[in-house]
PDB file of N, CA and C in Angstrom:
ATOM      1  N   UNK A   1      36.183  17.223-236.855  1.00  0.00           N
ATOM      2  CA  UNK A   1      35.655  16.202-236.123  1.00  0.00           C
ATOM      3  C   UNK A   1      36.209  14.940-236.106  1.00  0.00           C
ATOM      4  N   UNK A   2      36.279  14.650-234.860  1.00  0.00           N
ATOM      5  CA  UNK A   2      36.664  13.351-234.694  1.00  0.00           C
ATOM      6  C   UNK A   2      35.701  12.463-234.272  1.00  0.00           C
ATOM      7  N   UNK A   3      35.575  11.117-235.027  1.00  0.00           N
ATOM      8  CA  UNK A   3      34.025  10.400-234.803  1.00  0.00           C
ATOM      9  C   UNK A   3      34.688   8.990-234.518  1.00  0.00           C
ATOM     10  N   UNK A   4      34.046   8.273-233.381  1.00  0.00           N
ATOM     11  CA  UNK A   4      34.225   7.015-232.649  1.00  0.00           C
ATOM     12  C   UNK A   4      33.579   6.000-232.896  1.00  0.00           C
ATOM     13  N   UNK A   5      33.978   5.123-233.648  1.00  0.00           N
ATOM     14  CA  UNK A   5      32.631   3.845-233.054  1.00  0.00           C
ATOM     15  C   UNK A   5      33.519   2.652-234.014  1.00  0.00           C
ATOM     16  N   UNK A   6      33.120   1.386-233.056  1.00  0.00           N
ATOM     17  CA  UNK A   6      33.867   0.198-233.387  1.00  0.00           C
ATOM     18  C   UNK A   6      32.620  -0.912-233.587  1.00  0.00           C
ATOM     19  N   UNK A   7      33.121  -1.776-234.516  1.00  0.00           N
ATOM     20  CA  UNK A   7      32.341  -2.838-234.629  1.00  0.00           C
ATOM     21  C   UNK A   7      30.756  -2.739-235.406  1.00  0.00           C
ATOM     22  N   UNK A   8      29.753  -1.972-234.859  1.00  0.00           N
ATOM     23  CA  UNK A   8      28.811  -1.623-235.235  1.00  0.00           C
ATOM     24  C   UNK A   8      28.527  -0.046-235.180  1.00  0.00           C
ATOM     25  N   UNK A   9      27.983   0.391-235.969  1.00  0.00           N
ATOM     26  CA  UNK A   9      28.164   2.257-236.531  1.00  0.00           C
ATOM     27  C   UNK A   9      26.714   2.664-235.824  1.00  0.00           C
ATOM     28  N   UNK A  10      26.759   3.633-235.107  1.00  0.00           N
ATOM     29  CA  UNK A  10      25.479   4.344-234.713  1.00  0.00           C
ATOM     30  C   UNK A  10      25.285   5.337-236.035  1.00  0.00           C
ATOM     31  N   UNK A  11      24.085   5.522-236.112  1.00  0.00           N
ATOM     32  CA  UNK A  11      23.395   6.104-237.446  1.00  0.00           C
ATOM     33  C   UNK A  11      23.998   7.716-236.851  1.00  0.00           C
ATOM     34  N   UNK A  12      24.054   8.122-235.952  1.00  0.00           N
ATOM     35  CA  UNK A  12      23.814   9.689-235.259  1.00  0.00           C
ATOM     36  C   UNK A  12      25.536   9.639-235.628  1.00  0.00           C
ATOM     37  N   UNK A  13      26.129   9.037-235.245  1.00  0.00           N
ATOM     38  CA  UNK A  13      27.810   9.268-235.551  1.00  0.00           C
ATOM     39  C   UNK A  13      28.223   9.595-236.762  1.00  0.00           C
ATOM     40  N   UNK A  14      27.718   8.653-238.005  1.00  0.00           N
ATOM     41  CA  UNK A  14      27.840   8.735-239.104  1.00  0.00           C
ATOM     42  C   UNK A  14      27.007   9.905-239.847  1.00  0.00           C
ATOM     43  N   UNK A  15      26.064  10.325-239.309  1.00  0.00           N
ATOM     44  CA  UNK A  15      25.290  11.664-239.668  1.00  0.00           C
ATOM     45  C   UNK A  15      26.133  12.936-239.041  1.00  0.00           C
ATOM     46  N   UNK A  16      26.646  12.769-237.824  1.00  0.00           N
ATOM     47  CA  UNK A  16      27.693  13.719-237.583  1.00  0.00           C
ATOM     48  C   UNK A  16      28.854  14.098-238.571  1.00  0.00           C
ATOM     49  N   UNK A  17      29.247  12.956-239.179  1.00  0.00           N
ATOM     50  CA  UNK A  17      30.629  13.141-239.756  1.00  0.00           C
ATOM     51  C   UNK A  17      30.048  13.886-241.312  1.00  0.00           C
ATOM     52  N   UNK A  18      28.768  13.398-241.760  1.00  0.00           N
ATOM     53  CA  UNK A  18      28.148  13.993-243.161  1.00  0.00           C
ATOM     54  C   UNK A  18      27.705  15.546-242.649  1.00  0.00           C
ATOM     55  N   UNK A  19      27.406  15.978-241.795  1.00  0.00           N
ATOM     56  CA  UNK A  19      27.143  17.193-241.220  1.00  0.00           C
ATOM     57  C   UNK A  19      28.365  18.117-241.183  1.00  0.00           C
ATOM     58  N   UNK A  20      29.339  17.473-240.709  1.00  0.00           N
ATOM     59  CA  UNK A  20      30.655  18.289-240.671  1.00  0.00           C
ATOM     60  C   UNK A  20      31.380  18.368-241.971  1.00  0.00           C
ATOM     61  N   UNK A  21      31.607  17.378-242.705  1.00  0.00           N
ATOM     62  CA  UNK A  21      31.648  17.472-243.995  1.00  0.00           C
ATOM     63  C   UNK A  21      30.899  18.602-244.798  1.00  0.00           C
ATOM     64  N   UNK A  22      30.034  18.941-244.731  1.00  0.00           N
ATOM     65  CA  UNK A  22      28.972  19.670-245.556  1.00  0.00           C
ATOM     66  C   UNK A  22      29.153  21.044-245.007  1.00  0.00           C
ATOM     67  N   UNK A  23      29.862  21.416-243.818  1.00  0.00           N
ATOM     68  CA  UNK A  23      30.387  22.847-243.295  1.00  0.00           C
ATOM     69  C   UNK A  23      31.746  23.051-243.560  1.00  0.00           C
ATOM     70  N   UNK A  24      32.533  21.880-244.402  1.00  0.00           N
ATOM     71  CA  UNK A  24      33.791  21.991-244.419  1.00  0.00           C
ATOM     72  C   UNK A  24      34.720  21.670-243.796  1.00  0.00           C
ATOM     73  N   UNK A  25      34.368  21.126-242.413  1.00  0.00           N
ATOM     74  CA  UNK A  25      35.290  20.540-241.642  1.00  0.00           C
ATOM     75  C   UNK A  25      35.992  19.254-241.829  1.00  0.00           C
ATOM     76  N   UNK A  26      37.291  18.945-241.411  1.00  0.00           N
ATOM     77  CA  UNK A  26      37.777  17.851-241.584  1.00  0.00           C
ATOM     78  C   UNK A  26      37.507  16.892-240.471  1.00  0.00           C
ATOM     79  N   UNK A  27      37.382  15.622-241.419  1.00  0.00           N
ATOM     80  CA  UNK A  27      36.709  14.392-240.398  1.00  0.00           C
ATOM     81  C   UNK A  27      37.552  13.445-240.451  1.00  0.00           C
ATOM     82  N   UNK A  28      37.717  12.822-239.141  1.00  0.00           N
ATOM     83  CA  UNK A  28      38.708  11.866-238.867  1.00  0.00           C
ATOM     84  C   UNK A  28      37.795  10.458-237.918  1.00  0.00           C
ATOM     85  N   UNK A  29      37.785   9.564-238.584  1.00  0.00           N
ATOM     86  CA  UNK A  29      37.375   8.444-237.855  1.00  0.00           C
ATOM     87  C   UNK A  29      38.268   7.643-237.250  1.00  0.00           C
ATOM     88  N   UNK A  30      38.002   7.279-235.927  1.00  0.00           N
ATOM     89  CA  UNK A  30      38.570   6.139-235.173  1.00  0.00           C
ATOM     90  C   UNK A  30      37.961   4.843-235.162  1.00  0.00           C
ATOM     91  N   UNK A  31      37.834   3.846-235.767  1.00  0.00           N
ATOM     92  CA  UNK A  31      37.427   2.668-235.734  1.00  0.00           C
ATOM     93  C   UNK A  31      38.182   1.519-236.245  1.00  0.00           C
ATOM     94  N   UNK A  32      37.443   0.484-235.986  1.00  0.00           N
ATOM     95  CA  UNK A  32      37.945  -1.012-235.776  1.00  0.00           C
ATOM     96  C   UNK A  32      38.412  -1.586-237.348  1.00  0.00           C
ATOM     97  N   UNK A  33      38.091  -0.724-238.650  1.00  0.00           N
ATOM     98  CA  UNK A  33      38.329  -1.156-239.911  1.00  0.00           C
ATOM     99  C   UNK A  33      38.204  -0.034-240.915  1.00  0.00           C
ATOM    100  N   UNK A  34      38.822  -0.316-241.921  1.00  0.00           N
ATOM    101  CA  UNK A  34      39.175   0.729-242.896  1.00  0.00           C
ATOM    102  C   UNK A  34      37.542   0.672-243.582  1.00  0.00           C
ATOM    103  N   UNK A  35      36.782  -0.689-243.384  1.00  0.00           N
ATOM    104  CA  UNK A  35      35.776  -0.941-244.310  1.00  0.00           C
ATOM    105  C   UNK A  35      34.620  -0.383-243.364  1.00  0.00           C
ATOM    106  N   UNK A  36      34.766  -0.052-242.378  1.00  0.00           N
ATOM    107  CA  UNK A  36      33.861   0.345-241.445  1.00  0.00           C
ATOM    108  C   UNK A  36      32.924   1.511-242.245  1.00  0.00           C
ATOM    109  N   UNK A  37      31.492   1.498-242.323  1.00  0.00           N
ATOM    110  CA  UNK A  37      30.741   2.601-243.117  1.00  0.00           C
ATOM    111  C   UNK A  37      31.584   4.319-242.619  1.00  0.00           C
ATOM    112  N   UNK A  38      31.747   4.099-241.020  1.00  0.00           N
ATOM    113  CA  UNK A  38      32.521   5.321-240.558  1.00  0.00           C
ATOM    114  C   UNK A  38      33.714   5.822-241.595  1.00  0.00           C
ATOM    115  N   UNK A  39      34.540   5.030-241.379  1.00  0.00           N
ATOM    116  CA  UNK A  39      35.978   4.877-242.134  1.00  0.00           C
ATOM    117  C   UNK A  39      35.772   5.387-243.690  1.00  0.00           C
ATOM    118  N   UNK A  40      34.885   5.016-244.189  1.00  0.00           N
ATOM    119  CA  UNK A  40      34.340   4.967-245.737  1.00  0.00           C
ATOM    120  C   UNK A  40      34.010   6.351-245.846  1.00  0.00           C
ATOM    121  N   UNK A  41      33.245   7.290-244.582  1.00  0.00           N
ATOM    122  CA  UNK A  41      32.692   8.501-245.201  1.00  0.00           C
ATOM    123  C   UNK A  41      33.950   9.655-244.559  1.00  0.00           C
ATOM    124  N   UNK A  42      34.710   9.411-243.846  1.00  0.00           N
ATOM    125  CA  UNK A  42      35.628  10.269-243.288  1.00  0.00           C
ATOM    126  C   UNK A  42      36.870  10.623-244.309  1.00  0.00           C
ATOM    127  N   UNK A  43      37.644  11.613-244.158  1.00  0.00           N
ATOM    128  CA  UNK A  43      38.625  11.804-244.906  1.00  0.00           C
ATOM    129  C   UNK A  43      39.982  11.199-244.390  1.00  0.00           C
ATOM    130  N   UNK A  44      40.220  11.108-243.143  1.00  0.00           N
ATOM    131  CA  UNK A  44      41.306  10.404-242.329  1.00  0.00           C
ATOM    132  C   UNK A  44      40.707   9.208-241.556  1.00  0.00           C
ATOM    133  N   UNK A  45      41.434   8.453-241.479  1.00  0.00           N
ATOM    134  CA  UNK A  45      41.259   6.857-240.476  1.00  0.00           C
ATOM    135  C   UNK A  45      42.337   6.806-239.855  1.00  0.00           C
ATOM    136  N   UNK A  46      41.801   6.405-238.826  1.00  0.00           N
ATOM    137  CA  UNK A  46      42.756   5.719-237.465  1.00  0.00           C
ATOM    138  C   UNK A  46      42.116   4.403-237.345  1.00  0.00           C
ATOM    139  N   UNK A  47      42.727   3.475-237.445  1.00  0.00           N
ATOM    140  CA  UNK A  47      42.051   1.982-237.318  1.00  0.00           C
ATOM    141  C   UNK A  47      42.850   1.395-235.599  1.00  0.00           C
ATOM    142  N   UNK A  48      41.787   0.923-235.023  1.00  0.00           N
ATOM    143  CA  UNK A  48      41.880   0.240-233.893  1.00  0.00           C
ATOM    144  C   UNK A  48      41.503  -0.936-233.933  1.00  0.00           C
ATOM    145  N   UNK A  49      42.082  -2.113-234.353  1.00  0.00           N
ATOM    146  CA  UNK A  49      41.357  -3.462-234.456  1.00  0.00           C
ATOM    147  C   UNK A  49      40.667  -3.634-233.262  1.00  0.00           C
ATOM    148  N   UNK A  50      39.598  -4.376-233.256  1.00  0.00           N
ATOM    149  CA  UNK A  50      38.728  -5.075-232.229  1.00  0.00           C
ATOM    150  C   UNK A  50      38.822  -6.594-231.973  1.00  0.00           C
ATOM    151  N   UNK A  51      39.083  -7.298-231.247  1.00  0.00           N
ATOM    152  CA  UNK A  51      38.695  -8.741-230.955  1.00  0.00           C
ATOM    153  C   UNK A  51      38.042  -8.965-230.200  1.00  0.00           C
ATOM    154  N   UNK A  52      36.843  -9.512-230.456  1.00  0.00           N
ATOM    155  CA  UNK A  52      35.850 -10.060-229.070  1.00  0.00           C
ATOM    156  C   UNK A  52      34.501  -9.126-229.220  1.00  0.00           C
ATOM    157  N   UNK A  53      33.805  -9.181-228.375  1.00  0.00           N
ATOM    158  CA  UNK A  53      32.314  -8.374-228.500  1.00  0.00           C
ATOM    159  C   UNK A  53      32.174  -7.631-227.239  1.00  0.00           C
ATOM    160  N   UNK A  54      32.973  -7.610-226.426  1.00  0.00           N
ATOM    161  CA  UNK A  54      32.859  -6.959-225.155  1.00  0.00           C
ATOM    162  C   UNK A  54      33.454  -5.297-225.487  1.00  0.00           C
ATOM    163  N   UNK A  55      32.794  -4.356-224.978  1.00  0.00           N
ATOM    164  CA  UNK A  55      32.956  -3.271-224.993  1.00  0.00           C
ATOM    165  C   UNK A  55      34.301  -2.742-224.558  1.00  0.00           C
ATOM    166  N   UNK A  56      34.833  -3.412-223.475  1.00  0.00           N
ATOM    167  CA  UNK A  56      35.981  -3.155-222.726  1.00  0.00           C
ATOM    168  C   UNK A  56      36.931  -3.470-223.771  1.00  0.00           C
ATOM    169  N   UNK A  57      36.751  -4.329-224.621  1.00  0.00           N
ATOM    170  CA  UNK A  57      38.129  -4.431-225.883  1.00  0.00           C
ATOM    171  C   UNK A  57      38.349  -3.452-226.563  1.00  0.00           C
ATOM    172  N   UNK A  58      37.415  -2.490-226.695  1.00  0.00           N
ATOM    173  CA  UNK A  58      37.839  -1.485-227.815  1.00  0.00           C
ATOM    174  C   UNK A  58      38.491  -0.160-227.321  1.00  0.00           C
ATOM    175  N   UNK A  59      38.347  -0.269-225.904  1.00  0.00           N
ATOM    176  CA  UNK A  59      38.968   0.953-225.060  1.00  0.00           C
ATOM    177  C   UNK A  59      40.224   1.573-225.319  1.00  0.00           C
ATOM    178  N   UNK A  60      41.237   0.598-225.031  1.00  0.00           N
ATOM    179  CA  UNK A  60      42.492   0.989-224.743  1.00  0.00           C
ATOM    180  C   UNK A  60      42.953   1.345-226.113  1.00  0.00           C
ATOM    181  N   UNK A  61      42.817   0.792-227.319  1.00  0.00           N
ATOM    182  CA  UNK A  61      43.649   1.404-228.420  1.00  0.00           C
ATOM    183  C   UNK A  61      42.682   2.681-228.927  1.00  0.00           C
ATOM    184  N   UNK A  62      41.735   2.906-229.019  1.00  0.00           N
ATOM    185  CA  UNK A  62      41.204   3.931-229.173  1.00  0.00           C
ATOM    186  C   UNK A  62      41.164   5.046-228.172  1.00  0.00           C
ATOM    187  N   UNK A  63      41.503   5.050-226.878  1.00  0.00           N
ATOM    188  CA  UNK A  63      41.952   5.957-226.106  1.00  0.00           C
ATOM    189  C   UNK A  63      43.508   6.214-226.291  1.00  0.00           C
ATOM    190  N   UNK A  64      44.063   5.565-226.706  1.00  0.00           N
ATOM    191  CA  UNK A  64      45.580   5.646-227.241  1.00  0.00           C
ATOM    192  C   UNK A  64      45.877   6.336-228.233  1.00  0.00           C
ATOM    193  N   UNK A  65      44.771   5.822-229.423  1.00  0.00           N
ATOM    194  CA  UNK A  65      44.831   7.036-230.422  1.00  0.00           C
ATOM    195  C   UNK A  65      44.383   8.652-230.242  1.00  0.00           C
ATOM    196  N   UNK A  66      43.489   8.600-229.386  1.00  0.00           N
ATOM    197  CA  UNK A  66      42.640  10.196-228.907  1.00  0.00           C
ATOM    198  C   UNK A  66      43.922  10.940-228.127  1.00  0.00           C
ATOM    199  N   UNK A  67      44.503  10.117-227.133  1.00  0.00           N
ATOM    200  CA  UNK A  67      45.589  10.347-226.538  1.00  0.00           C
ATOM    201  C   UNK A  67      46.554  10.980-227.167  1.00  0.00           C
ATOM    202  N   UNK A  68      47.133  10.097-228.375  1.00  0.00           N
ATOM    203  CA  UNK A  68      48.091  10.599-229.531  1.00  0.00           C
ATOM    204  C   UNK A  68      47.650  12.172-230.200  1.00  0.00           C
ATOM    205  N   UNK A  69      46.525  12.085-230.687  1.00  0.00           N
ATOM    206  CA  UNK A  69      46.159  13.332-231.144  1.00  0.00           C
ATOM    207  C   UNK A  69      45.926  14.386-230.167  1.00  0.00           C
ATOM    208  N   UNK A  70      45.401  14.498-229.018  1.00  0.00           N
ATOM    209  CA  UNK A  70      45.676  15.576-228.221  1.00  0.00           C
ATOM    210  C   UNK A  70      46.807  16.186-227.998  1.00  0.00           C
ATOM    211  N   UNK A  71      47.926  15.178-227.613  1.00  0.00           N
ATOM    212  CA  UNK A  71      49.388  15.676-227.440  1.00  0.00           C
ATOM    213  C   UNK A  71      49.961  16.226-228.857  1.00  0.00           C
ATOM    214  N   UNK A  72      49.902  15.386-229.994  1.00  0.00           N
ATOM    215  CA  UNK A  72      50.291  16.018-231.038  1.00  0.00           C
ATOM    216  C   UNK A  72      49.609  17.672-231.297  1.00  0.00           C
ATOM    217  N   UNK A  73      48.418  17.751-231.183  1.00  0.00           N
ATOM    218  CA  UNK A  73      48.042  19.018-230.956  1.00  0.00           C
ATOM    219  C   UNK A  73      48.425  20.206-229.993  1.00  0.00           C
ATOM    220  N   UNK A  74      48.737  19.761-229.215  1.00  0.00           N
ATOM    221  CA  UNK A  74      49.184  20.466-227.816  1.00  0.00           C
ATOM    222  C   UNK A  74      50.663  20.928-227.923  1.00  0.00           C
ATOM    223  N   UNK A  75      51.441  19.935-228.774  1.00  0.00           N
ATOM    224  CA  UNK A  75      53.014  20.354-228.843  1.00  0.00           C
ATOM    225  C   UNK A  75      52.790  21.351-230.013  1.00  0.00           C
ATOM    226  N   UNK A  76      51.860  21.560-231.002  1.00  0.00           N
ATOM    227  CA  UNK A  76      51.905  22.753-231.685  1.00  0.00           C
ATOM    228  C   UNK A  76      51.544  24.118-230.915  1.00  0.00           C
ATOM    229  N   UNK A  77      50.890  24.078-229.710  1.00  0.00           N
ATOM    230  CA  UNK A  77      50.404  25.075-229.308  1.00  0.00           C
ATOM    231  C   UNK A  77      50.925  25.257-227.675  1.00  0.00           C
ATOM    232  N   UNK A  78      52.203  25.265-227.527  1.00  0.00           N
ATOM    233  CA  UNK A  78      52.423  25.084-225.939  1.00  0.00           C
ATOM    234  C   UNK A  78      52.210  26.042-224.925  1.00  0.00           C
ATOM    235  N   UNK A  79      52.257  27.261-225.546  1.00  0.00           N
ATOM    236  CA  UNK A  79      51.608  28.565-224.523  1.00  0.00           C
ATOM    237  C   UNK A  79      50.140  28.600-224.318  1.00  0.00           C
ATOM    238  N   UNK A  80      49.503  28.162-225.548  1.00  0.00           N
ATOM    239  CA  UNK A  80      47.893  27.965-225.318  1.00  0.00           C
ATOM    240  C   UNK A  80      47.580  27.060-224.187  1.00  0.00           C
ATOM    241  N   UNK A  81      48.373  25.849-224.365  1.00  0.00           N
ATOM    242  CA  UNK A  81      48.315  24.656-223.480  1.00  0.00           C
ATOM    243  C   UNK A  81      48.358  25.243-221.837  1.00  0.00           C
ATOM    244  N   UNK A  82      49.585  25.969-221.689  1.00  0.00           N
ATOM    245  CA  UNK A  82      49.903  26.368-220.641  1.00  0.00           C
ATOM    246  C   UNK A  82      48.835  26.851-219.937  1.00  0.00           C
ATOM    247  N   UNK A  83      48.832  27.913-220.811  1.00  0.00           N
ATOM    248  CA  UNK A  83      47.671  29.214-220.152  1.00  0.00           C
ATOM    249  C   UNK A  83      46.556  28.294-219.367  1.00  0.00           C
ATOM    250  N   UNK A  84      45.911  27.513-220.884  1.00  0.00           N
ATOM    251  CA  UNK A  84      44.771  26.966-220.139  1.00  0.00           C
ATOM    252  C   UNK A  84      44.921  26.181-218.960  1.00  0.00           C
ATOM    253  N   UNK A  85      45.835  25.325-219.054  1.00  0.00           N
ATOM    254  CA  UNK A  85      46.100  24.673-217.342  1.00  0.00           C
ATOM    255  C   UNK A  85      46.046  25.587-216.374  1.00  0.00           C
ATOM    256  N   UNK A  86      46.794  26.529-216.692  1.00  0.00           N
ATOM    257  CA  UNK A  86      46.900  27.501-215.158  1.00  0.00           C
ATOM    258  C   UNK A  86      45.477  28.193-215.114  1.00  0.00           C
ATOM    259  N   UNK A  87      44.654  28.352-216.150  1.00  0.00           N
ATOM    260  CA  UNK A  87      43.257  28.830-215.551  1.00  0.00           C
ATOM    261  C   UNK A  87      42.603  27.674-215.003  1.00  0.00           C
ATOM    262  N   UNK A  88      42.494  26.330-215.690  1.00  0.00           N
ATOM    263  CA  UNK A  88      41.784  25.474-214.948  1.00  0.00           C
ATOM    264  C   UNK A  88      42.255  25.010-213.559  1.00  0.00           C
ATOM    265  N   UNK A  89      43.817  25.104-213.417  1.00  0.00           N
ATOM    266  CA  UNK A  89      44.181  24.896-211.920  1.00  0.00           C
ATOM    267  C   UNK A  89      43.747  25.890-211.086  1.00  0.00           C
ATOM    268  N   UNK A  90      43.332  27.358-211.396  1.00  0.00           N
ATOM    269  CA  UNK A  90      43.016  28.191-210.746  1.00  0.00           C
ATOM    270  C   UNK A  90      41.356  28.061-210.303  1.00  0.00           C
ATOM    271  N   UNK A  91      40.646  27.124-211.468  1.00  0.00           N
ATOM    272  CA  UNK A  91      39.581  27.214-211.279  1.00  0.00           C
ATOM    273  C   UNK A  91      38.976  26.103-210.017  1.00  0.00           C
ATOM    274  N   UNK A  92      39.967  25.221-210.167  1.00  0.00           N
ATOM    275  CA  UNK A  92      39.929  23.875-209.066  1.00  0.00           C
ATOM    276  C   UNK A  92      40.231  24.483-207.648  1.00  0.00           C
ATOM    277  N   UNK A  93      41.422  25.595-207.686  1.00  0.00           N
ATOM    278  CA  UNK A  93      41.490  25.931-206.665  1.00  0.00           C
ATOM    279  C   UNK A  93      40.440  26.863-205.773  1.00  0.00           C
ATOM    280  N   UNK A  94      39.690  27.199-206.537  1.00  0.00           N
ATOM    281  CA  UNK A  94      38.386  28.357-206.074  1.00  0.00           C
ATOM    282  C   UNK A  94      37.436  27.660-205.733  1.00  0.00           C
ATOM    283  N   UNK A  95      37.169  26.304-205.969  1.00  0.00           N
ATOM    284  CA  UNK A  95      36.456  25.436-205.644  1.00  0.00           C
ATOM    285  C   UNK A  95      36.543  24.681-204.587  1.00  0.00           C
ATOM    286  N   UNK A  96      37.627  24.338-204.221  1.00  0.00           N
ATOM    287  CA  UNK A  96      38.333  24.013-203.089  1.00  0.00           C
ATOM    288  C   UNK A  96      38.114  22.423-203.080  1.00  0.00           C
ATOM    289  N   UNK A  97      38.476  21.960-204.496  1.00  0.00           N
ATOM    290  CA  UNK A  97      38.254  20.468-204.530  1.00  0.00           C
ATOM    291  C   UNK A  97      38.781  19.488-203.811  1.00  0.00           C
ATOM    292  N   UNK A  98      40.285  19.682-203.559  1.00  0.00           N
ATOM    293  CA  UNK A  98      41.188  18.661-203.102  1.00  0.00           C
ATOM    294  C   UNK A  98      41.443  18.809-201.793  1.00  0.00           C
ATOM    295  N   UNK A  99      42.165  17.997-200.818  1.00  0.00           N
ATOM    296  CA  UNK A  99      42.217  17.811-199.631  1.00  0.00           C
ATOM    297  C   UNK A  99      44.053  18.015-199.707  1.00  0.00           C
ATOM    298  N   UNK A 100      44.355  18.991-200.276  1.00  0.00           N
ATOM    299  CA  UNK A 100      45.905  18.974-200.156  1.00  0.00           C
ATOM    300  C   UNK A 100      46.301  20.134-199.283  1.00  0.00           C
TER     301      UNK A 100
END
């Protein structure tokens, strides 16, 4: 489970990590500080420090970390990724979504 929260923690996000851990899942926090309650509750912590109070300030670092995780996972299973991308492209073609 990858749980994301910065500055103020949502009770539901913290509860989700507790449930995941009770089911034996690995938990990863992406948060602003190692002292954030979410970070303290997860097995792995990726920090994306935040300056300021505007929500936009939190997005770049967090999305970069998510992108990194997804790409590392995809690199381990290239055949599966290629197959899934082909299936998704086929679905889009069937729905005539694009004007190309």
